[in-house]
Amino acid sequence: MTAPAPLSVRAAALWSSVKNGVNARLKAAASRQKSLVLRESLSLGERRYVAIVECDGRRYLVGGGRDSVQLIADFDPRSVEGRP
């Protein structure tokens, strides 16, 4: 019968396994790009807002209220880069 490995060896093996699993998950998450990003939002009070939303490289200005969301404008982000 073989003696069990010392606790430090088992702990090191467990840590290595956990570290490899976490690294794999981080790499997988980094490779996935978000297709929908909230770039900016502004509250207008009384549950109303406007927001710039980016989806697949395009930006949209949307407005919303208590019961609805409305597309205000669809614009190309390259046409507004560098503007104040």
N, C-alpha and C. Protein backbone atom coordinates (compact mmCIF):
# COMPACT_ATOMS: atom_id res chain seq x y z
N MET A 1 0.84 -1.18 0.00
CA MET A 1 0.00 0.00 0.00
C MET A 1 0.89 1.25 0.00
N THR A 2 0.53 2.19 -0.82
CA THR A 2 1.32 3.41 -0.96
C THR A 2 0.82 4.46 0.02
N ALA A 3 1.73 5.21 0.57
CA ALA A 3 1.35 6.30 1.48
C ALA A 3 0.77 7.44 0.66
N PRO A 4 -0.24 8.11 1.18
CA PRO A 4 -0.81 9.24 0.45
C PRO A 4 0.22 10.37 0.31
N ALA A 5 0.07 11.13 -0.75
CA ALA A 5 0.98 12.25 -1.00
C ALA A 5 0.82 13.27 0.13
N PRO A 6 1.91 13.95 0.46
CA PRO A 6 1.82 14.97 1.50
C PRO A 6 0.79 16.04 1.12
N LEU A 7 0.27 16.70 2.13
CA LEU A 7 -0.76 17.71 1.93
C LEU A 7 -0.29 18.82 0.98
N SER A 8 0.95 19.24 1.11
CA SER A 8 1.45 20.32 0.26
C SER A 8 1.47 19.92 -1.21
N VAL A 9 1.76 18.66 -1.51
CA VAL A 9 1.77 18.18 -2.90
C VAL A 9 0.34 18.15 -3.43
N ARG A 10 -0.59 17.67 -2.62
CA ARG A 10 -1.99 17.63 -3.06
C ARG A 10 -2.54 19.05 -3.24
N ALA A 11 -2.18 19.96 -2.33
CA ALA A 11 -2.63 21.35 -2.44
C ALA A 11 -2.06 22.00 -3.70
N ALA A 12 -0.80 21.74 -4.01
CA ALA A 12 -0.18 22.30 -5.21
C ALA A 12 -0.86 21.77 -6.47
N ALA A 13 -1.19 20.48 -6.48
CA ALA A 13 -1.87 19.89 -7.63
C ALA A 13 -3.27 20.49 -7.79
N LEU A 14 -3.97 20.69 -6.68
CA LEU A 14 -5.30 21.30 -6.73
C LEU A 14 -5.21 22.72 -7.23
N TRP A 15 -4.24 23.50 -6.72
CA TRP A 15 -4.08 24.89 -7.14
C TRP A 15 -3.78 24.96 -8.64
N SER A 16 -2.92 24.10 -9.13
CA SER A 16 -2.58 24.07 -10.55
C SER A 16 -3.81 23.79 -11.40
N SER A 17 -4.62 22.85 -10.95
CA SER A 17 -5.83 22.50 -11.68
C SER A 17 -6.81 23.67 -11.72
N VAL A 18 -7.00 24.32 -10.58
CA VAL A 18 -7.91 25.47 -10.50
C VAL A 18 -7.39 26.60 -11.37
N LYS A 19 -6.10 26.89 -11.28
CA LYS A 19 -5.50 27.98 -12.05
C LYS A 19 -5.66 27.73 -13.55
N ASN A 20 -5.42 26.52 -13.98
CA ASN A 20 -5.58 26.20 -15.41
C ASN A 20 -7.02 26.36 -15.86
N GLY A 21 -7.96 25.97 -15.03
CA GLY A 21 -9.38 26.12 -15.37
C GLY A 21 -9.78 27.58 -15.46
N VAL A 22 -9.32 28.40 -14.52
CA VAL A 22 -9.64 29.83 -14.53
C VAL A 22 -9.01 30.49 -15.75
N ASN A 23 -7.75 30.16 -16.05
CA ASN A 23 -7.10 30.74 -17.23
C ASN A 23 -7.85 30.39 -18.51
N ALA A 24 -8.31 29.17 -18.62
CA ALA A 24 -9.06 28.76 -19.81
C ALA A 24 -10.35 29.55 -19.93
N ARG A 25 -11.03 29.75 -18.81
CA ARG A 25 -12.29 30.52 -18.84
C ARG A 25 -12.03 31.98 -19.20
N LEU A 26 -10.97 32.57 -18.66
CA LEU A 26 -10.65 33.96 -18.97
C LEU A 26 -10.31 34.12 -20.45
N LYS A 27 -9.55 33.18 -21.01
CA LYS A 27 -9.22 33.25 -22.43
C LYS A 27 -10.47 33.12 -23.29
N ALA A 28 -11.38 32.24 -22.91
CA ALA A 28 -12.62 32.06 -23.68
C ALA A 28 -13.47 33.32 -23.60
N ALA A 29 -13.55 33.92 -22.43
CA ALA A 29 -14.35 35.15 -22.27
C ALA A 29 -13.74 36.29 -23.06
N ALA A 30 -12.41 36.38 -23.08
CA ALA A 30 -11.75 37.46 -23.82
C ALA A 30 -11.93 37.30 -25.32
N SER A 31 -12.08 36.07 -25.79
CA SER A 31 -12.23 35.86 -27.23
C SER A 31 -13.63 36.21 -27.72
N ARG A 32 -14.61 36.18 -26.80
CA ARG A 32 -15.97 36.57 -27.17
C ARG A 32 -16.10 38.08 -27.07
N GLN A 33 -16.57 38.71 -28.12
CA GLN A 33 -16.78 40.14 -28.08
C GLN A 33 -18.26 40.40 -27.87
N LYS A 34 -18.53 41.43 -27.09
CA LYS A 34 -19.93 41.82 -26.89
C LYS A 34 -20.44 42.44 -28.18
N SER A 35 -21.66 42.10 -28.55
CA SER A 35 -22.23 42.69 -29.76
C SER A 35 -23.11 43.88 -29.43
N LEU A 36 -23.46 44.05 -28.17
CA LEU A 36 -24.32 45.17 -27.75
C LEU A 36 -23.65 45.87 -26.58
N VAL A 37 -23.36 47.19 -26.75
CA VAL A 37 -22.68 47.95 -25.72
C VAL A 37 -23.41 49.27 -25.50
N LEU A 38 -23.70 49.59 -24.24
CA LEU A 38 -24.27 50.89 -23.90
C LEU A 38 -23.11 51.86 -23.79
N ARG A 39 -23.02 52.81 -24.71
CA ARG A 39 -21.91 53.75 -24.74
C ARG A 39 -22.13 54.91 -23.77
N GLU A 40 -23.35 55.42 -23.71
CA GLU A 40 -23.64 56.55 -22.82
C GLU A 40 -25.14 56.66 -22.66
N SER A 41 -25.56 57.14 -21.50
CA SER A 41 -26.99 57.38 -21.29
C SER A 41 -27.16 58.66 -20.49
N LEU A 42 -28.30 59.28 -20.65
CA LEU A 42 -28.60 60.53 -19.96
C LEU A 42 -30.04 60.49 -19.49
N SER A 43 -30.22 60.69 -18.22
CA SER A 43 -31.57 60.72 -17.66
C SER A 43 -32.19 62.08 -17.94
N LEU A 44 -33.43 62.07 -18.35
CA LEU A 44 -34.16 63.30 -18.62
C LEU A 44 -35.20 63.58 -17.53
N GLY A 45 -35.20 62.77 -16.51
CA GLY A 45 -36.15 62.92 -15.41
C GLY A 45 -37.45 62.21 -15.71
N GLU A 46 -38.23 61.99 -14.69
CA GLU A 46 -39.54 61.34 -14.80
C GLU A 46 -39.49 60.05 -15.64
N ARG A 47 -38.45 59.23 -15.38
CA ARG A 47 -38.27 57.92 -16.05
C ARG A 47 -38.10 58.03 -17.57
N ARG A 48 -37.51 59.12 -18.02
CA ARG A 48 -37.21 59.30 -19.45
C ARG A 48 -35.70 59.37 -19.61
N TYR A 49 -35.20 58.90 -20.76
CA TYR A 49 -33.76 58.88 -20.98
C TYR A 49 -33.46 58.88 -22.47
N VAL A 50 -32.24 59.23 -22.79
CA VAL A 50 -31.68 59.01 -24.13
C VAL A 50 -30.40 58.23 -23.92
N ALA A 51 -30.03 57.41 -24.90
CA ALA A 51 -28.84 56.58 -24.78
C ALA A 51 -28.23 56.35 -26.15
N ILE A 52 -26.92 56.18 -26.15
CA ILE A 52 -26.21 55.77 -27.35
C ILE A 52 -25.85 54.30 -27.14
N VAL A 53 -26.32 53.46 -28.05
CA VAL A 53 -26.11 52.02 -27.98
C VAL A 53 -25.35 51.60 -29.22
N GLU A 54 -24.33 50.76 -29.04
CA GLU A 54 -23.57 50.26 -30.18
C GLU A 54 -23.86 48.78 -30.36
N CYS A 55 -24.13 48.41 -31.60
CA CYS A 55 -24.40 47.02 -31.93
C CYS A 55 -23.73 46.70 -33.26
N ASP A 56 -22.82 45.72 -33.23
CA ASP A 56 -22.11 45.29 -34.44
C ASP A 56 -21.44 46.46 -35.16
N GLY A 57 -20.83 47.38 -34.39
CA GLY A 57 -20.09 48.48 -34.97
C GLY A 57 -20.92 49.67 -35.37
N ARG A 58 -22.21 49.60 -35.25
CA ARG A 58 -23.09 50.74 -35.58
C ARG A 58 -23.59 51.34 -34.29
N ARG A 59 -23.83 52.64 -34.29
CA ARG A 59 -24.33 53.31 -33.10
C ARG A 59 -25.74 53.83 -33.36
N TYR A 60 -26.53 53.75 -32.30
CA TYR A 60 -27.93 54.16 -32.37
C TYR A 60 -28.23 55.08 -31.20
N LEU A 61 -28.96 56.15 -31.48
CA LEU A 61 -29.46 57.03 -30.44
C LEU A 61 -30.89 56.60 -30.17
N VAL A 62 -31.15 56.18 -28.94
CA VAL A 62 -32.50 55.73 -28.58
C VAL A 62 -33.00 56.57 -27.43
N GLY A 63 -34.30 56.70 -27.38
CA GLY A 63 -34.95 57.39 -26.28
C GLY A 63 -35.99 56.48 -25.68
N GLY A 64 -36.23 56.65 -24.42
CA GLY A 64 -37.20 55.78 -23.78
C GLY A 64 -37.92 56.50 -22.66
N GLY A 65 -39.04 55.92 -22.32
CA GLY A 65 -39.84 56.43 -21.22
C GLY A 65 -40.35 55.27 -20.41
N ARG A 66 -41.36 55.53 -19.67
CA ARG A 66 -41.92 54.53 -18.77
C ARG A 66 -42.40 53.28 -19.51
N ASP A 67 -43.01 53.45 -20.68
CA ASP A 67 -43.62 52.31 -21.37
C ASP A 67 -43.08 52.03 -22.77
N SER A 68 -42.05 52.78 -23.21
CA SER A 68 -41.62 52.57 -24.59
C SER A 68 -40.16 52.93 -24.79
N VAL A 69 -39.61 52.42 -25.91
CA VAL A 69 -38.26 52.76 -26.37
C VAL A 69 -38.40 53.10 -27.85
N GLN A 70 -37.72 54.17 -28.28
CA GLN A 70 -37.86 54.64 -29.66
C GLN A 70 -36.49 54.90 -30.25
N LEU A 71 -36.27 54.45 -31.48
CA LEU A 71 -35.05 54.77 -32.20
C LEU A 71 -35.14 56.21 -32.67
N ILE A 72 -34.17 57.03 -32.28
CA ILE A 72 -34.15 58.43 -32.69
C ILE A 72 -33.26 58.62 -33.91
N ALA A 73 -32.07 57.98 -33.89
CA ALA A 73 -31.15 58.12 -35.01
C ALA A 73 -30.24 56.90 -35.10
N ASP A 74 -29.83 56.60 -36.32
CA ASP A 74 -28.90 55.52 -36.61
C ASP A 74 -27.70 56.21 -37.25
N PHE A 75 -26.51 56.12 -36.65
CA PHE A 75 -25.38 56.81 -37.24
C PHE A 75 -24.12 55.96 -37.21
N ASP A 76 -23.22 56.31 -38.12
CA ASP A 76 -21.95 55.62 -38.27
C ASP A 76 -20.96 56.23 -37.28
N PRO A 77 -20.36 55.42 -36.39
CA PRO A 77 -19.46 55.98 -35.38
C PRO A 77 -18.25 56.70 -35.96
N ARG A 78 -17.81 56.31 -37.16
CA ARG A 78 -16.65 56.97 -37.75
C ARG A 78 -16.97 58.41 -38.13
N SER A 79 -18.24 58.73 -38.36
CA SER A 79 -18.59 60.09 -38.76
C SER A 79 -18.65 61.05 -37.59
N VAL A 80 -18.62 60.55 -36.35
CA VAL A 80 -18.70 61.43 -35.19
C VAL A 80 -17.47 61.35 -34.30
N GLU A 81 -16.49 60.50 -34.63
CA GLU A 81 -15.26 60.41 -33.84
C GLU A 81 -14.53 61.74 -33.88
N GLY A 82 -14.04 62.15 -32.75
CA GLY A 82 -13.27 63.39 -32.68
C GLY A 82 -14.11 64.62 -32.52
N ARG A 83 -15.40 64.52 -32.58
CA ARG A 83 -16.26 65.69 -32.36
C ARG A 83 -16.41 65.91 -30.86
N PRO A 84 -16.50 67.18 -30.45
CA PRO A 84 -16.69 67.45 -29.02
C PRO A 84 -18.06 67.03 -28.52
